Amino acid sequence: MSGSILLFIVVLFGAIYVFMILPQRRARRSQQELITKLTVGTEVITTGGLYGTITEVEDGDTVLLEVAEDTEVRVAKASVARAIPQATPDEPPVDEAHADTDTDADASDT
């Protein structure tokens, strides 16, 4: 009886580790990676929902964000939630609202 209880406890701790601790470590690692790769010109979103373009990476733990023309705010690097992917000049930005294909319209024409 005590062997099965011990096995249950080991499996329970293993599941907690796999489903809670590992994803948290991955998220922390990707956040640290993002913070170290912040450069001038990167468009970012802060944890408070502020959109801006980095104009200066200061010494220490802060960056300057341009949130509007001639308006800059100083924020902590740790408050940058994610970088906004840049569209390449060769590819036009995808409008997700109109990204549906016209296959239905083509099928009704025949």
N, C-alpha and C. Protein backbone atom coordinates (compact mmCIF):
# COMPACT_ATOMS: atom_id res chain seq x y z
N MET A 1 0.82 -1.19 0.00
CA MET A 1 0.00 0.00 0.00
C MET A 1 0.87 1.26 0.00
N SER A 2 1.91 1.29 0.82
CA SER A 2 2.74 2.49 0.91
C SER A 2 3.54 2.71 -0.37
N GLY A 3 3.83 1.64 -1.10
CA GLY A 3 4.54 1.77 -2.37
C GLY A 3 3.71 2.49 -3.41
N SER A 4 2.42 2.20 -3.47
CA SER A 4 1.56 2.85 -4.44
C SER A 4 1.33 4.32 -4.08
N ILE A 5 1.30 4.62 -2.78
CA ILE A 5 1.15 6.02 -2.35
C ILE A 5 2.40 6.81 -2.73
N LEU A 6 3.57 6.20 -2.51
CA LEU A 6 4.84 6.86 -2.87
C LEU A 6 4.91 7.08 -4.37
N LEU A 7 4.50 6.10 -5.15
CA LEU A 7 4.48 6.23 -6.61
C LEU A 7 3.53 7.35 -7.03
N PHE A 8 2.36 7.44 -6.41
CA PHE A 8 1.41 8.50 -6.72
C PHE A 8 2.01 9.88 -6.44
N ILE A 9 2.69 10.01 -5.31
CA ILE A 9 3.30 11.30 -4.95
C ILE A 9 4.39 11.67 -5.94
N VAL A 10 5.21 10.71 -6.34
CA VAL A 10 6.28 10.98 -7.31
C VAL A 10 5.68 11.40 -8.66
N VAL A 11 4.64 10.69 -9.10
CA VAL A 11 3.99 11.05 -10.36
C VAL A 11 3.34 12.42 -10.27
N LEU A 12 2.73 12.74 -9.14
CA LEU A 12 2.11 14.04 -8.94
C LEU A 12 3.14 15.16 -9.02
N PHE A 13 4.28 15.00 -8.34
CA PHE A 13 5.33 16.02 -8.41
C PHE A 13 5.91 16.12 -9.81
N GLY A 14 6.01 15.01 -10.50
CA GLY A 14 6.50 15.04 -11.88
C GLY A 14 5.55 15.81 -12.78
N ALA A 15 4.25 15.61 -12.61
CA ALA A 15 3.27 16.33 -13.42
C ALA A 15 3.29 17.82 -13.10
N ILE A 16 3.42 18.16 -11.84
CA ILE A 16 3.51 19.58 -11.47
C ILE A 16 4.73 20.22 -12.11
N TYR A 17 5.84 19.51 -12.10
CA TYR A 17 7.07 20.04 -12.70
C TYR A 17 6.89 20.25 -14.20
N VAL A 18 6.32 19.25 -14.88
CA VAL A 18 6.19 19.33 -16.34
C VAL A 18 5.17 20.38 -16.76
N PHE A 19 4.05 20.48 -16.06
CA PHE A 19 2.98 21.38 -16.49
C PHE A 19 3.03 22.77 -15.89
N MET A 20 3.83 22.99 -14.84
CA MET A 20 3.86 24.31 -14.23
C MET A 20 5.24 24.94 -14.26
N ILE A 21 6.25 24.23 -13.87
CA ILE A 21 7.57 24.83 -13.72
C ILE A 21 8.28 24.98 -15.05
N LEU A 22 8.27 23.97 -15.90
CA LEU A 22 8.94 24.07 -17.20
C LEU A 22 8.38 25.18 -18.08
N PRO A 23 7.06 25.32 -18.24
CA PRO A 23 6.56 26.44 -19.06
C PRO A 23 6.94 27.81 -18.49
N GLN A 24 6.97 27.92 -17.17
CA GLN A 24 7.35 29.18 -16.55
C GLN A 24 8.82 29.50 -16.84
N ARG A 25 9.66 28.49 -16.81
CA ARG A 25 11.08 28.70 -17.13
C ARG A 25 11.25 29.13 -18.58
N ARG A 26 10.50 28.49 -19.48
CA ARG A 26 10.59 28.85 -20.90
C ARG A 26 10.14 30.29 -21.12
N ALA A 27 9.06 30.69 -20.47
CA ALA A 27 8.56 32.05 -20.61
C ALA A 27 9.56 33.07 -20.07
N ARG A 28 10.15 32.76 -18.94
CA ARG A 28 11.15 33.65 -18.35
C ARG A 28 12.37 33.77 -19.26
N ARG A 29 12.79 32.65 -19.84
CA ARG A 29 13.94 32.65 -20.73
C ARG A 29 13.65 33.47 -21.99
N SER A 30 12.46 33.32 -22.57
CA SER A 30 12.14 34.09 -23.77
C SER A 30 11.99 35.57 -23.46
N GLN A 31 11.50 35.92 -22.27
CA GLN A 31 11.41 37.33 -21.87
C GLN A 31 12.81 37.93 -21.71
N GLN A 32 13.72 37.19 -21.08
CA GLN A 32 15.09 37.67 -20.93
C GLN A 32 15.75 37.84 -22.29
N GLU A 33 15.49 36.92 -23.21
CA GLU A 33 16.03 37.00 -24.56
C GLU A 33 15.52 38.25 -25.26
N LEU A 34 14.23 38.53 -25.12
CA LEU A 34 13.64 39.72 -25.72
C LEU A 34 14.29 40.99 -25.16
N ILE A 35 14.47 41.04 -23.86
CA ILE A 35 15.04 42.22 -23.22
C ILE A 35 16.47 42.46 -23.69
N THR A 36 17.24 41.40 -23.85
CA THR A 36 18.62 41.58 -24.28
C THR A 36 18.73 41.98 -25.75
N LYS A 37 17.70 41.69 -26.55
CA LYS A 37 17.73 42.00 -27.98
C LYS A 37 17.05 43.31 -28.34
N LEU A 38 16.65 44.10 -27.35
CA LEU A 38 15.99 45.38 -27.64
C LEU A 38 16.97 46.33 -28.32
N THR A 39 16.58 46.86 -29.46
CA THR A 39 17.42 47.79 -30.20
C THR A 39 16.59 48.99 -30.63
N VAL A 40 17.28 50.06 -31.01
CA VAL A 40 16.61 51.27 -31.48
C VAL A 40 15.83 50.94 -32.75
N GLY A 41 14.59 51.39 -32.81
CA GLY A 41 13.74 51.17 -33.97
C GLY A 41 12.78 50.00 -33.82
N THR A 42 12.93 49.21 -32.77
CA THR A 42 12.04 48.08 -32.55
C THR A 42 10.70 48.57 -32.03
N GLU A 43 9.62 48.11 -32.65
CA GLU A 43 8.28 48.45 -32.15
C GLU A 43 7.89 47.42 -31.11
N VAL A 44 7.42 47.91 -29.95
CA VAL A 44 7.13 47.02 -28.83
C VAL A 44 5.78 47.36 -28.21
N ILE A 45 5.30 46.42 -27.40
CA ILE A 45 4.11 46.62 -26.57
C ILE A 45 4.55 46.39 -25.13
N THR A 46 4.18 47.29 -24.24
CA THR A 46 4.53 47.12 -22.83
C THR A 46 3.46 46.30 -22.12
N THR A 47 3.75 45.89 -20.91
CA THR A 47 2.78 45.12 -20.13
C THR A 47 1.55 45.95 -19.81
N GLY A 48 1.66 47.26 -19.85
CA GLY A 48 0.52 48.14 -19.61
C GLY A 48 -0.29 48.42 -20.86
N GLY A 49 0.13 47.86 -22.01
CA GLY A 49 -0.61 48.05 -23.24
C GLY A 49 -0.18 49.25 -24.05
N LEU A 50 0.96 49.83 -23.72
CA LEU A 50 1.46 51.00 -24.43
C LEU A 50 2.26 50.56 -25.65
N TYR A 51 1.89 51.05 -26.82
CA TYR A 51 2.61 50.74 -28.06
C TYR A 51 3.61 51.85 -28.31
N GLY A 52 4.80 51.49 -28.77
CA GLY A 52 5.79 52.51 -29.07
C GLY A 52 6.97 51.94 -29.82
N THR A 53 7.83 52.86 -30.26
CA THR A 53 9.07 52.51 -30.95
C THR A 53 10.23 52.92 -30.08
N ILE A 54 11.18 52.03 -29.89
CA ILE A 54 12.34 52.33 -29.05
C ILE A 54 13.21 53.35 -29.76
N THR A 55 13.49 54.46 -29.08
CA THR A 55 14.35 55.50 -29.64
C THR A 55 15.72 55.50 -28.99
N GLU A 56 15.82 54.95 -27.79
CA GLU A 56 17.11 54.89 -27.10
C GLU A 56 17.09 53.78 -26.07
N VAL A 57 18.16 52.99 -26.07
CA VAL A 57 18.35 51.97 -25.04
C VAL A 57 19.35 52.57 -24.07
N GLU A 58 18.88 52.92 -22.88
CA GLU A 58 19.72 53.58 -21.90
C GLU A 58 20.52 52.56 -21.10
N ASP A 59 21.60 53.04 -20.50
CA ASP A 59 22.35 52.20 -19.58
C ASP A 59 21.45 51.85 -18.41
N GLY A 60 21.60 50.67 -17.90
CA GLY A 60 20.73 50.25 -16.80
C GLY A 60 19.55 49.48 -17.33
N ASP A 61 18.40 49.73 -16.74
CA ASP A 61 17.22 48.92 -17.04
C ASP A 61 16.10 49.70 -17.70
N THR A 62 16.40 50.76 -18.45
CA THR A 62 15.33 51.55 -19.04
C THR A 62 15.56 51.76 -20.54
N VAL A 63 14.46 52.04 -21.24
CA VAL A 63 14.49 52.41 -22.66
C VAL A 63 13.56 53.60 -22.84
N LEU A 64 13.79 54.36 -23.89
CA LEU A 64 12.89 55.45 -24.25
C LEU A 64 12.01 54.97 -25.40
N LEU A 65 10.70 55.14 -25.25
CA LEU A 65 9.74 54.77 -26.28
C LEU A 65 9.10 56.01 -26.86
N GLU A 66 9.03 56.07 -28.18
CA GLU A 66 8.28 57.14 -28.82
C GLU A 66 6.87 56.60 -29.04
N VAL A 67 5.91 57.20 -28.32
CA VAL A 67 4.53 56.73 -28.38
C VAL A 67 3.68 57.58 -29.33
N ALA A 68 4.14 58.77 -29.64
CA ALA A 68 3.52 59.66 -30.60
C ALA A 68 4.62 60.56 -31.12
N GLU A 69 4.32 61.31 -32.15
CA GLU A 69 5.33 62.19 -32.70
C GLU A 69 5.81 63.18 -31.64
N ASP A 70 7.11 63.22 -31.42
CA ASP A 70 7.76 64.08 -30.43
C ASP A 70 7.31 63.81 -29.00
N THR A 71 6.85 62.61 -28.72
CA THR A 71 6.45 62.24 -27.36
C THR A 71 7.15 60.94 -26.99
N GLU A 72 8.06 61.04 -26.02
CA GLU A 72 8.80 59.88 -25.57
C GLU A 72 8.52 59.63 -24.09
N VAL A 73 8.48 58.36 -23.73
CA VAL A 73 8.33 57.98 -22.33
C VAL A 73 9.45 57.01 -21.97
N ARG A 74 9.88 57.08 -20.73
CA ARG A 74 10.92 56.18 -20.23
C ARG A 74 10.22 55.02 -19.53
N VAL A 75 10.53 53.80 -19.93
CA VAL A 75 9.94 52.62 -19.31
C VAL A 75 11.05 51.64 -18.95
N ALA A 76 10.75 50.78 -18.02
CA ALA A 76 11.69 49.72 -17.64
C ALA A 76 11.74 48.68 -18.74
N LYS A 77 12.93 48.15 -18.97
CA LYS A 77 13.06 47.09 -19.98
C LYS A 77 12.17 45.89 -19.63
N ALA A 78 12.03 45.61 -18.36
CA ALA A 78 11.24 44.46 -17.92
C ALA A 78 9.76 44.65 -18.23
N SER A 79 9.32 45.88 -18.48
CA SER A 79 7.91 46.10 -18.78
C SER A 79 7.58 45.89 -20.25
N VAL A 80 8.58 45.61 -21.07
CA VAL A 80 8.32 45.31 -22.48
C VAL A 80 7.79 43.89 -22.57
N ALA A 81 6.54 43.76 -23.01
CA ALA A 81 5.90 42.44 -23.07
C ALA A 81 6.31 41.68 -24.33
N ARG A 82 6.32 42.36 -25.47
CA ARG A 82 6.70 41.68 -26.70
C ARG A 82 7.05 42.70 -27.77
N ALA A 83 7.76 42.23 -28.77
CA ALA A 83 8.10 43.06 -29.92
C ALA A 83 7.07 42.81 -31.01
N ILE A 84 6.73 43.85 -31.73
CA ILE A 84 5.78 43.74 -32.84
C ILE A 84 6.57 43.34 -34.08
N PRO A 85 6.21 42.24 -34.74
CA PRO A 85 6.95 41.82 -35.93
C PRO A 85 6.83 42.85 -37.04
N GLN A 86 7.94 43.08 -37.70
CA GLN A 86 7.98 44.05 -38.79
C GLN A 86 7.63 43.35 -40.10
N ALA A 87 6.82 43.99 -40.94
CA ALA A 87 6.52 43.47 -42.27
C ALA A 87 7.72 43.75 -43.16
N THR A 88 8.09 42.78 -43.96
CA THR A 88 9.21 42.99 -44.87
C THR A 88 8.76 43.87 -46.02
N PRO A 89 9.67 44.64 -46.61
CA PRO A 89 9.26 45.53 -47.70
C PRO A 89 8.71 44.79 -48.91
N ASP A 90 9.11 43.52 -49.10
CA ASP A 90 8.63 42.75 -50.25
C ASP A 90 7.21 42.26 -50.06
N GLU A 91 6.79 42.08 -48.81
CA GLU A 91 5.47 41.54 -48.54
C GLU A 91 4.56 42.62 -47.97
N PRO A 92 3.39 42.81 -48.56
CA PRO A 92 2.45 43.78 -47.96
C PRO A 92 1.90 43.19 -46.67
N PRO A 93 1.54 44.03 -45.70
CA PRO A 93 0.97 43.51 -44.46
C PRO A 93 -0.35 42.79 -44.72
N VAL A 94 -0.58 41.74 -43.99
CA VAL A 94 -1.79 40.94 -44.16
C VAL A 94 -2.91 41.56 -43.35
N ASP A 95 -4.02 41.84 -43.99
CA ASP A 95 -5.20 42.34 -43.30
C ASP A 95 -6.00 41.13 -42.86
N GLU A 96 -5.95 40.81 -41.57
CA GLU A 96 -6.57 39.59 -41.06
C GLU A 96 -8.08 39.59 -41.24
N ALA A 97 -8.71 40.74 -41.28
CA ALA A 97 -10.16 40.80 -41.43
C ALA A 97 -10.58 40.36 -42.84
N HIS A 98 -9.72 40.57 -43.81
CA HIS A 98 -10.03 40.23 -45.19
C HIS A 98 -9.11 39.14 -45.73
N ALA A 99 -8.59 38.30 -44.86
CA ALA A 99 -7.65 37.27 -45.26
C ALA A 99 -8.33 36.03 -45.81
N ASP A 100 -9.65 36.00 -45.82
CA ASP A 100 -10.37 34.85 -46.36
C ASP A 100 -10.08 34.72 -47.86
N THR A 101 -10.02 33.49 -48.31
CA THR A 101 -9.80 33.27 -49.74
C THR A 101 -11.11 33.42 -50.48
N ASP A 102 -11.01 33.64 -51.76
CA ASP A 102 -12.20 33.82 -52.60
C ASP A 102 -12.63 32.52 -53.23
N THR A 103 -12.36 31.41 -52.62
CA THR A 103 -12.75 30.12 -53.20
C THR A 103 -14.25 29.95 -53.24
N ASP A 104 -14.96 30.45 -52.25
CA ASP A 104 -16.41 30.35 -52.25
C ASP A 104 -17.03 31.18 -53.38
N ALA A 105 -16.49 32.36 -53.60
CA ALA A 105 -17.01 33.21 -54.67
C ALA A 105 -16.71 32.61 -56.03
N ASP A 106 -15.53 32.00 -56.19
CA ASP A 106 -15.19 31.37 -57.46
C ASP A 106 -16.07 30.17 -57.73
N ALA A 107 -16.41 29.41 -56.71
CA ALA A 107 -17.23 28.22 -56.89
C ALA A 107 -18.66 28.57 -57.28
N SER A 108 -19.15 29.71 -56.78
CA SER A 108 -20.52 30.08 -57.12
C SER A 108 -20.63 30.66 -58.52
N ASP A 109 -19.53 31.09 -59.12
CA ASP A 109 -19.54 31.66 -60.47
C ASP A 109 -19.68 30.58 -61.54
N THR A 110 -19.37 29.36 -61.21
CA THR A 110 -19.40 28.29 -62.23
C THR A 110 -20.73 27.65 -62.39
